[in-house]
């Protein structure tokens, strides 16, 4: 059974940095892409795509986060990371990692449909001023 586990969240002050980790278990991460999403707790808004990284390491970051957020991967250790700098209060959210359930999406790119991906439980990032 595939399992994704995020870690590294916590409180941080405005302007600070955090590096989130996503550990894959029961899942061969090598050869697949993954994505990071975020969602503000308590708001009735869908999860927002933060960015993704393809199997070959090409990353795509949401325009509004470009220059502050970076995604990386370590295939040997079945890990992915989200490095965040110059954090703002608006970055406060639960951060989730996701990876394809189906091999097809390892080849053609991740599906945006929730049901097509495995998800972690999330890690909370709280940015205070």
C-alpha atoms as a PDB file:
ATOM      1  CA  UNK A   1       0.000   0.000   0.000  1.00  0.00           C
ATOM      2  CA  UNK A   2       1.422   3.339  -1.042  1.00  0.00           C
ATOM      3  CA  UNK A   3       1.921   5.879   1.683  1.00  0.00           C
ATOM      4  CA  UNK A   4       3.046   9.488   1.492  1.00  0.00           C
ATOM      5  CA  UNK A   5       4.145  11.298   4.617  1.00  0.00           C
ATOM      6  CA  UNK A   6       4.904  14.992   4.849  1.00  0.00           C
ATOM      7  CA  UNK A   7       7.074  16.523   7.517  1.00  0.00           C
ATOM      8  CA  UNK A   8       8.934  19.731   8.249  1.00  0.00           C
ATOM      9  CA  UNK A   9       6.056  22.081   8.849  1.00  0.00           C
ATOM     10  CA  UNK A  10       5.738  24.329  11.867  1.00  0.00           C
ATOM     11  CA  UNK A  11       5.736  27.936  12.960  1.00  0.00           C
ATOM     12  CA  UNK A  12       8.000  30.411  11.205  1.00  0.00           C
ATOM     13  CA  UNK A  13       8.236  34.167  11.120  1.00  0.00           C
ATOM     14  CA  UNK A  14       7.638  36.299   8.082  1.00  0.00           C
ATOM     15  CA  UNK A  15      10.708  36.272   5.900  1.00  0.00           C
ATOM     16  CA  UNK A  16      11.849  32.929   7.204  1.00  0.00           C
ATOM     17  CA  UNK A  17      12.436  29.638   5.430  1.00  0.00           C
ATOM     18  CA  UNK A  18      11.236  26.076   5.736  1.00  0.00           C
ATOM     19  CA  UNK A  19      11.952  22.853   3.907  1.00  0.00           C
ATOM     20  CA  UNK A  20       9.173  20.312   3.760  1.00  0.00           C
ATOM     21  CA  UNK A  21       9.789  16.658   3.070  1.00  0.00           C
ATOM     22  CA  UNK A  22       7.602  14.023   1.475  1.00  0.00           C
ATOM     23  CA  UNK A  23       8.549  10.417   2.125  1.00  0.00           C
ATOM     24  CA  UNK A  24       7.192   7.703  -0.152  1.00  0.00           C
ATOM     25  CA  UNK A  25       6.635   4.209   1.220  1.00  0.00           C
ATOM     26  CA  UNK A  26       5.311   1.224  -0.688  1.00  0.00           C
ATOM     27  CA  UNK A  27       5.707   3.304  -3.816  1.00  0.00           C
ATOM     28  CA  UNK A  28       8.403   3.513  -6.434  1.00  0.00           C
ATOM     29  CA  UNK A  29       8.920   7.217  -6.779  1.00  0.00           C
ATOM     30  CA  UNK A  30      11.660   6.923  -9.377  1.00  0.00           C
ATOM     31  CA  UNK A  31      10.181   7.428 -12.824  1.00  0.00           C
ATOM     32  CA  UNK A  32       7.137   9.365 -11.614  1.00  0.00           C
ATOM     33  CA  UNK A  33       6.370  12.958 -10.959  1.00  0.00           C
ATOM     34  CA  UNK A  34       4.869  14.423  -7.826  1.00  0.00           C
ATOM     35  CA  UNK A  35       3.209  17.601  -6.741  1.00  0.00           C
ATOM     36  CA  UNK A  36       2.797  19.822  -3.716  1.00  0.00           C
ATOM     37  CA  UNK A  37      -0.550  21.376  -2.866  1.00  0.00           C
ATOM     38  CA  UNK A  38      -1.690  23.589  -0.056  1.00  0.00           C
ATOM     39  CA  UNK A  39      -4.960  24.418   1.616  1.00  0.00           C
ATOM     40  CA  UNK A  40      -5.828  26.979   4.233  1.00  0.00           C
ATOM     41  CA  UNK A  41      -7.531  25.217   7.150  1.00  0.00           C
ATOM     42  CA  UNK A  42     -11.077  26.258   7.819  1.00  0.00           C
ATOM     43  CA  UNK A  43     -11.711  27.811   4.423  1.00  0.00           C
ATOM     44  CA  UNK A  44     -14.017  26.264   1.883  1.00  0.00           C
ATOM     45  CA  UNK A  45     -11.527  26.512  -0.915  1.00  0.00           C
ATOM     46  CA  UNK A  46     -10.014  23.707  -2.955  1.00  0.00           C
ATOM     47  CA  UNK A  47      -6.432  22.757  -2.570  1.00  0.00           C
ATOM     48  CA  UNK A  48      -4.106  25.039  -4.462  1.00  0.00           C
ATOM     49  CA  UNK A  49      -1.360  23.591  -6.605  1.00  0.00           C
ATOM     50  CA  UNK A  50       1.978  24.858  -5.366  1.00  0.00           C
ATOM     51  CA  UNK A  51       4.044  23.120  -8.007  1.00  0.00           C
ATOM     52  CA  UNK A  52       5.245  19.839  -9.372  1.00  0.00           C
ATOM     53  CA  UNK A  53       8.364  18.022 -10.393  1.00  0.00           C
ATOM     54  CA  UNK A  54       8.567  15.556 -13.219  1.00  0.00           C
ATOM     55  CA  UNK A  55      10.410  12.263 -13.273  1.00  0.00           C
ATOM     56  CA  UNK A  56      13.410  13.918 -14.900  1.00  0.00           C
ATOM     57  CA  UNK A  57      13.565  16.655 -12.281  1.00  0.00           C
ATOM     58  CA  UNK A  58      11.897  19.448 -14.207  1.00  0.00           C
ATOM     59  CA  UNK A  59       9.947  21.573 -11.778  1.00  0.00           C
ATOM     60  CA  UNK A  60       6.998  23.819 -12.367  1.00  0.00           C
ATOM     61  CA  UNK A  61       6.064  26.338  -9.687  1.00  0.00           C
ATOM     62  CA  UNK A  62       2.882  28.377  -9.507  1.00  0.00           C
ATOM     63  CA  UNK A  63       3.547  31.815 -10.985  1.00  0.00           C
ATOM     64  CA  UNK A  64       2.789  33.591  -7.728  1.00  0.00           C
ATOM     65  CA  UNK A  65       5.352  31.475  -5.864  1.00  0.00           C
ATOM     66  CA  UNK A  66       8.100  31.454  -8.447  1.00  0.00           C
ATOM     67  CA  UNK A  67      11.397  32.608  -7.027  1.00  0.00           C
ATOM     68  CA  UNK A  68      10.490  31.714  -3.447  1.00  0.00           C
ATOM     69  CA  UNK A  69       9.533  28.040  -3.669  1.00  0.00           C
ATOM     70  CA  UNK A  70      11.604  25.188  -5.083  1.00  0.00           C
ATOM     71  CA  UNK A  71      10.811  21.504  -5.485  1.00  0.00           C
ATOM     72  CA  UNK A  72      13.487  18.833  -5.520  1.00  0.00           C
ATOM     73  CA  UNK A  73      13.661  15.061  -5.415  1.00  0.00           C
ATOM     74  CA  UNK A  74      15.904  12.284  -4.166  1.00  0.00           C
ATOM     75  CA  UNK A  75      15.006   9.120  -6.012  1.00  0.00           C
ATOM     76  CA  UNK A  76      17.525   6.979  -4.171  1.00  0.00           C
ATOM     77  CA  UNK A  77      15.769   7.681  -0.893  1.00  0.00           C
ATOM     78  CA  UNK A  78      12.206   7.952  -2.204  1.00  0.00           C
ATOM     79  CA  UNK A  79      11.908  11.552  -1.048  1.00  0.00           C
ATOM     80  CA  UNK A  80      10.718  14.861  -2.429  1.00  0.00           C
ATOM     81  CA  UNK A  81      11.130  18.296  -0.949  1.00  0.00           C
ATOM     82  CA  UNK A  82       9.561  21.715  -1.010  1.00  0.00           C
ATOM     83  CA  UNK A  83      11.944  24.518  -0.076  1.00  0.00           C
ATOM     84  CA  UNK A  84      10.245  27.761   0.843  1.00  0.00           C
ATOM     85  CA  UNK A  85      11.942  31.118   1.352  1.00  0.00           C
ATOM     86  CA  UNK A  86      10.852  34.653   2.174  1.00  0.00           C
ATOM     87  CA  UNK A  87       7.694  33.279   3.685  1.00  0.00           C
ATOM     88  CA  UNK A  88       4.625  35.472   3.985  1.00  0.00           C
ATOM     89  CA  UNK A  89       1.578  35.208   6.200  1.00  0.00           C
ATOM     90  CA  UNK A  90      -0.382  34.230   3.087  1.00  0.00           C
ATOM     91  CA  UNK A  91       1.737  31.071   2.893  1.00  0.00           C
ATOM     92  CA  UNK A  92       0.098  29.761   6.054  1.00  0.00           C
ATOM     93  CA  UNK A  93      -1.605  26.532   5.044  1.00  0.00           C
ATOM     94  CA  UNK A  94      -1.607  22.775   5.289  1.00  0.00           C
ATOM     95  CA  UNK A  95       0.832  21.453   2.704  1.00  0.00           C
ATOM     96  CA  UNK A  96       0.217  18.141   0.995  1.00  0.00           C
ATOM     97  CA  UNK A  97       2.291  16.013  -1.332  1.00  0.00           C
ATOM     98  CA  UNK A  98       0.683  13.928  -4.037  1.00  0.00           C
ATOM     99  CA  UNK A  99       1.835  11.293  -6.473  1.00  0.00           C
ATOM    100  CA  UNK A 100       0.118   9.358  -9.268  1.00  0.00           C
ATOM    101  CA  UNK A 101      -1.844   6.225  -8.512  1.00  0.00           C
ATOM    102  CA  UNK A 102      -1.680   5.034 -12.069  1.00  0.00           C
ATOM    103  CA  UNK A 103       1.396   4.364 -14.162  1.00  0.00           C
ATOM    104  CA  UNK A 104      -0.118   6.287 -17.046  1.00  0.00           C
ATOM    105  CA  UNK A 105       0.304   9.519 -15.163  1.00  0.00           C
ATOM    106  CA  UNK A 106       3.949   8.789 -14.526  1.00  0.00           C
ATOM    107  CA  UNK A 107       4.419   8.988 -18.278  1.00  0.00           C
ATOM    108  CA  UNK A 108       2.102  11.783 -19.372  1.00  0.00           C
ATOM    109  CA  UNK A 109       2.199  14.002 -16.320  1.00  0.00           C
ATOM    110  CA  UNK A 110       0.144  14.150 -13.188  1.00  0.00           C
ATOM    111  CA  UNK A 111      -3.611  14.314 -13.199  1.00  0.00           C
ATOM    112  CA  UNK A 112      -5.210  17.164 -11.320  1.00  0.00           C
ATOM    113  CA  UNK A 113      -8.011  14.917 -10.162  1.00  0.00           C
ATOM    114  CA  UNK A 114      -7.844  14.086  -6.482  1.00  0.00           C
ATOM    115  CA  UNK A 115      -8.888  10.478  -7.014  1.00  0.00           C
ATOM    116  CA  UNK A 116      -6.042   9.873  -9.455  1.00  0.00           C
ATOM    117  CA  UNK A 117      -3.382  10.547  -6.839  1.00  0.00           C
ATOM    118  CA  UNK A 118      -2.114   9.276  -3.544  1.00  0.00           C
ATOM    119  CA  UNK A 119      -2.040  11.940  -0.848  1.00  0.00           C
ATOM    120  CA  UNK A 120      -0.269  12.478   2.406  1.00  0.00           C
ATOM    121  CA  UNK A 121      -1.971  13.738   5.540  1.00  0.00           C
ATOM    122  CA  UNK A 122      -0.352  17.141   5.264  1.00  0.00           C
ATOM    123  CA  UNK A 123       1.965  19.247   7.352  1.00  0.00           C
ATOM    124  CA  UNK A 124       0.944  22.619   8.730  1.00  0.00           C
ATOM    125  CA  UNK A 125       2.985  25.722   8.012  1.00  0.00           C
ATOM    126  CA  UNK A 126       2.143  28.753  10.108  1.00  0.00           C
ATOM    127  CA  UNK A 127       3.774  32.042   9.201  1.00  0.00           C
ATOM    128  CA  UNK A 128       3.475  34.773  11.797  1.00  0.00           C
ATOM    129  CA  UNK A 129       4.325  38.444  11.591  1.00  0.00           C
END
